[in-house]
Amino acid sequence: MKDMFSAVLLGAVVGAAATMFYLNNEKELCSAGRNFRENGKQAINFLNNLGQDIEESVKRKS
């Protein structure tokens, strides 16, 4: 029972710390999230274009 109480207490402390961090850095976190999504879209587009180029190259050689 004592171990379970310690785990619950630790979870509450970690949750409170995460909430405080989020509230204090909300703008930076939102900006980082937008940048991450945009960079992910660019990476996917790059890989799609690369795949199309390779496919066209293989078709020309066949």
N, C-alpha and C. Protein backbone atom coordinates (compact mmCIF):
# COMPACT_ATOMS: atom_id res chain seq x y z
N MET A 1 0.83 -1.19 0.00
CA MET A 1 0.00 0.00 0.00
C MET A 1 0.87 1.26 0.00
N LYS A 2 1.98 1.21 0.74
CA LYS A 2 2.87 2.35 0.83
C LYS A 2 3.50 2.64 -0.54
N ASP A 3 3.86 1.58 -1.29
CA ASP A 3 4.45 1.76 -2.62
C ASP A 3 3.45 2.40 -3.58
N MET A 4 2.18 1.99 -3.48
CA MET A 4 1.16 2.54 -4.36
C MET A 4 0.95 4.03 -4.06
N PHE A 5 0.93 4.39 -2.78
CA PHE A 5 0.77 5.79 -2.40
C PHE A 5 1.95 6.61 -2.93
N SER A 6 3.15 6.07 -2.87
CA SER A 6 4.33 6.77 -3.39
C SER A 6 4.22 6.98 -4.89
N ALA A 7 3.72 5.98 -5.60
CA ALA A 7 3.56 6.10 -7.05
C ALA A 7 2.53 7.15 -7.40
N VAL A 8 1.42 7.18 -6.67
CA VAL A 8 0.38 8.18 -6.91
C VAL A 8 0.92 9.58 -6.62
N LEU A 9 1.65 9.71 -5.53
CA LEU A 9 2.22 11.00 -5.17
C LEU A 9 3.23 11.46 -6.22
N LEU A 10 4.07 10.55 -6.68
CA LEU A 10 5.04 10.89 -7.73
C LEU A 10 4.32 11.31 -9.00
N GLY A 11 3.27 10.60 -9.37
CA GLY A 11 2.49 10.96 -10.56
C GLY A 11 1.88 12.35 -10.44
N ALA A 12 1.38 12.68 -9.27
CA ALA A 12 0.79 14.00 -9.04
C ALA A 12 1.85 15.10 -9.16
N VAL A 13 3.02 14.85 -8.61
CA VAL A 13 4.11 15.84 -8.67
C VAL A 13 4.57 16.04 -10.12
N VAL A 14 4.74 14.93 -10.85
CA VAL A 14 5.17 15.03 -12.24
C VAL A 14 4.10 15.73 -13.07
N GLY A 15 2.84 15.41 -12.84
CA GLY A 15 1.75 16.06 -13.56
C GLY A 15 1.69 17.56 -13.28
N ALA A 16 1.86 17.93 -12.04
CA ALA A 16 1.85 19.35 -11.68
C ALA A 16 3.02 20.08 -12.32
N ALA A 17 4.19 19.44 -12.32
CA ALA A 17 5.36 20.06 -12.94
C ALA A 17 5.16 20.22 -14.44
N ALA A 18 4.59 19.22 -15.09
CA ALA A 18 4.34 19.30 -16.53
C ALA A 18 3.34 20.41 -16.84
N THR A 19 2.31 20.53 -16.02
CA THR A 19 1.30 21.58 -16.21
C THR A 19 1.93 22.96 -16.03
N MET A 20 2.74 23.13 -15.01
CA MET A 20 3.41 24.42 -14.79
C MET A 20 4.33 24.76 -15.96
N PHE A 21 5.07 23.76 -16.44
CA PHE A 21 5.96 23.98 -17.58
C PHE A 21 5.17 24.41 -18.80
N TYR A 22 4.06 23.72 -19.06
CA TYR A 22 3.24 24.05 -20.23
C TYR A 22 2.67 25.46 -20.11
N LEU A 23 2.14 25.80 -18.95
CA LEU A 23 1.53 27.11 -18.78
C LEU A 23 2.57 28.23 -18.89
N ASN A 24 3.78 27.99 -18.44
CA ASN A 24 4.82 29.01 -18.49
C ASN A 24 5.46 29.13 -19.88
N ASN A 25 5.34 28.10 -20.70
CA ASN A 25 6.00 28.09 -22.01
C ASN A 25 5.02 27.80 -23.15
N GLU A 26 3.78 28.15 -22.97
CA GLU A 26 2.74 27.79 -23.94
C GLU A 26 3.03 28.34 -25.33
N LYS A 27 3.43 29.60 -25.43
CA LYS A 27 3.68 30.20 -26.74
C LYS A 27 4.83 29.50 -27.46
N GLU A 28 5.91 29.24 -26.74
CA GLU A 28 7.06 28.58 -27.35
C GLU A 28 6.72 27.15 -27.78
N LEU A 29 5.94 26.45 -26.96
CA LEU A 29 5.56 25.08 -27.29
C LEU A 29 4.64 25.04 -28.51
N CYS A 30 3.71 25.98 -28.60
CA CYS A 30 2.81 26.02 -29.75
C CYS A 30 3.61 26.34 -31.02
N SER A 31 4.53 27.28 -30.92
CA SER A 31 5.37 27.63 -32.06
C SER A 31 6.22 26.44 -32.49
N ALA A 32 6.79 25.74 -31.53
CA ALA A 32 7.61 24.56 -31.85
C ALA A 32 6.75 23.48 -32.50
N GLY A 33 5.53 23.31 -32.04
CA GLY A 33 4.62 22.33 -32.63
C GLY A 33 4.29 22.66 -34.06
N ARG A 34 4.03 23.95 -34.34
CA ARG A 34 3.74 24.37 -35.72
C ARG A 34 4.96 24.14 -36.61
N ASN A 35 6.14 24.49 -36.11
CA ASN A 35 7.36 24.27 -36.89
C ASN A 35 7.59 22.79 -37.17
N PHE A 36 7.33 21.96 -36.18
CA PHE A 36 7.51 20.52 -36.33
C PHE A 36 6.57 19.97 -37.40
N ARG A 37 5.31 20.39 -37.35
CA ARG A 37 4.34 19.93 -38.36
C ARG A 37 4.73 20.40 -39.75
N GLU A 38 5.15 21.66 -39.87
CA GLU A 38 5.55 22.21 -41.18
C GLU A 38 6.77 21.47 -41.71
N ASN A 39 7.77 21.24 -40.88
CA ASN A 39 8.96 20.51 -41.31
C ASN A 39 8.61 19.08 -41.70
N GLY A 40 7.66 18.47 -40.99
CA GLY A 40 7.22 17.13 -41.34
C GLY A 40 6.56 17.10 -42.70
N LYS A 41 5.73 18.10 -43.00
CA LYS A 41 5.09 18.18 -44.32
C LYS A 41 6.13 18.35 -45.41
N GLN A 42 7.12 19.19 -45.16
CA GLN A 42 8.19 19.40 -46.16
C GLN A 42 8.98 18.11 -46.38
N ALA A 43 9.24 17.38 -45.33
CA ALA A 43 9.98 16.12 -45.45
C ALA A 43 9.17 15.10 -46.26
N ILE A 44 7.88 15.02 -45.99
CA ILE A 44 7.03 14.09 -46.73
C ILE A 44 6.98 14.47 -48.20
N ASN A 45 6.84 15.75 -48.49
CA ASN A 45 6.84 16.20 -49.89
C ASN A 45 8.16 15.87 -50.58
N PHE A 46 9.27 16.09 -49.88
CA PHE A 46 10.58 15.78 -50.45
C PHE A 46 10.69 14.30 -50.78
N LEU A 47 10.27 13.44 -49.85
CA LEU A 47 10.36 12.00 -50.08
C LEU A 47 9.43 11.56 -51.20
N ASN A 48 8.24 12.15 -51.28
CA ASN A 48 7.32 11.82 -52.37
C ASN A 48 7.93 12.21 -53.72
N ASN A 49 8.51 13.40 -53.79
CA ASN A 49 9.14 13.85 -55.04
C ASN A 49 10.33 12.97 -55.40
N LEU A 50 11.12 12.60 -54.41
CA LEU A 50 12.26 11.74 -54.65
C LEU A 50 11.80 10.38 -55.18
N GLY A 51 10.75 9.84 -54.58
CA GLY A 51 10.21 8.57 -55.04
C GLY A 51 9.70 8.65 -56.47
N GLN A 52 9.04 9.73 -56.81
CA GLN A 52 8.55 9.92 -58.18
C GLN A 52 9.71 10.03 -59.16
N ASP A 53 10.75 10.76 -58.78
CA ASP A 53 11.91 10.90 -59.65
C ASP A 53 12.58 9.55 -59.88
N ILE A 54 12.72 8.76 -58.83
CA ILE A 54 13.33 7.44 -58.97
C ILE A 54 12.47 6.55 -59.86
N GLU A 55 11.17 6.60 -59.65
CA GLU A 55 10.25 5.79 -60.45
C GLU A 55 10.34 6.16 -61.93
N GLU A 56 10.39 7.45 -62.22
CA GLU A 56 10.51 7.91 -63.62
C GLU A 56 11.85 7.48 -64.21
N SER A 57 12.90 7.55 -63.42
CA SER A 57 14.23 7.15 -63.89
C SER A 57 14.26 5.67 -64.22
N VAL A 58 13.64 4.85 -63.38
CA VAL A 58 13.61 3.40 -63.63
C VAL A 58 12.79 3.10 -64.87
N LYS A 59 11.67 3.81 -65.06
CA LYS A 59 10.83 3.59 -66.24
C LYS A 59 11.59 3.95 -67.52
N ARG A 60 12.38 5.04 -67.48
CA ARG A 60 13.14 5.46 -68.68
C ARG A 60 14.21 4.44 -69.03
N LYS A 61 14.80 3.81 -68.01
CA LYS A 61 15.87 2.84 -68.26
C LYS A 61 15.32 1.50 -68.74
N SER A 62 14.03 1.24 -68.49
CA SER A 62 13.45 -0.05 -68.88
C SER A 62 13.15 -0.11 -70.37
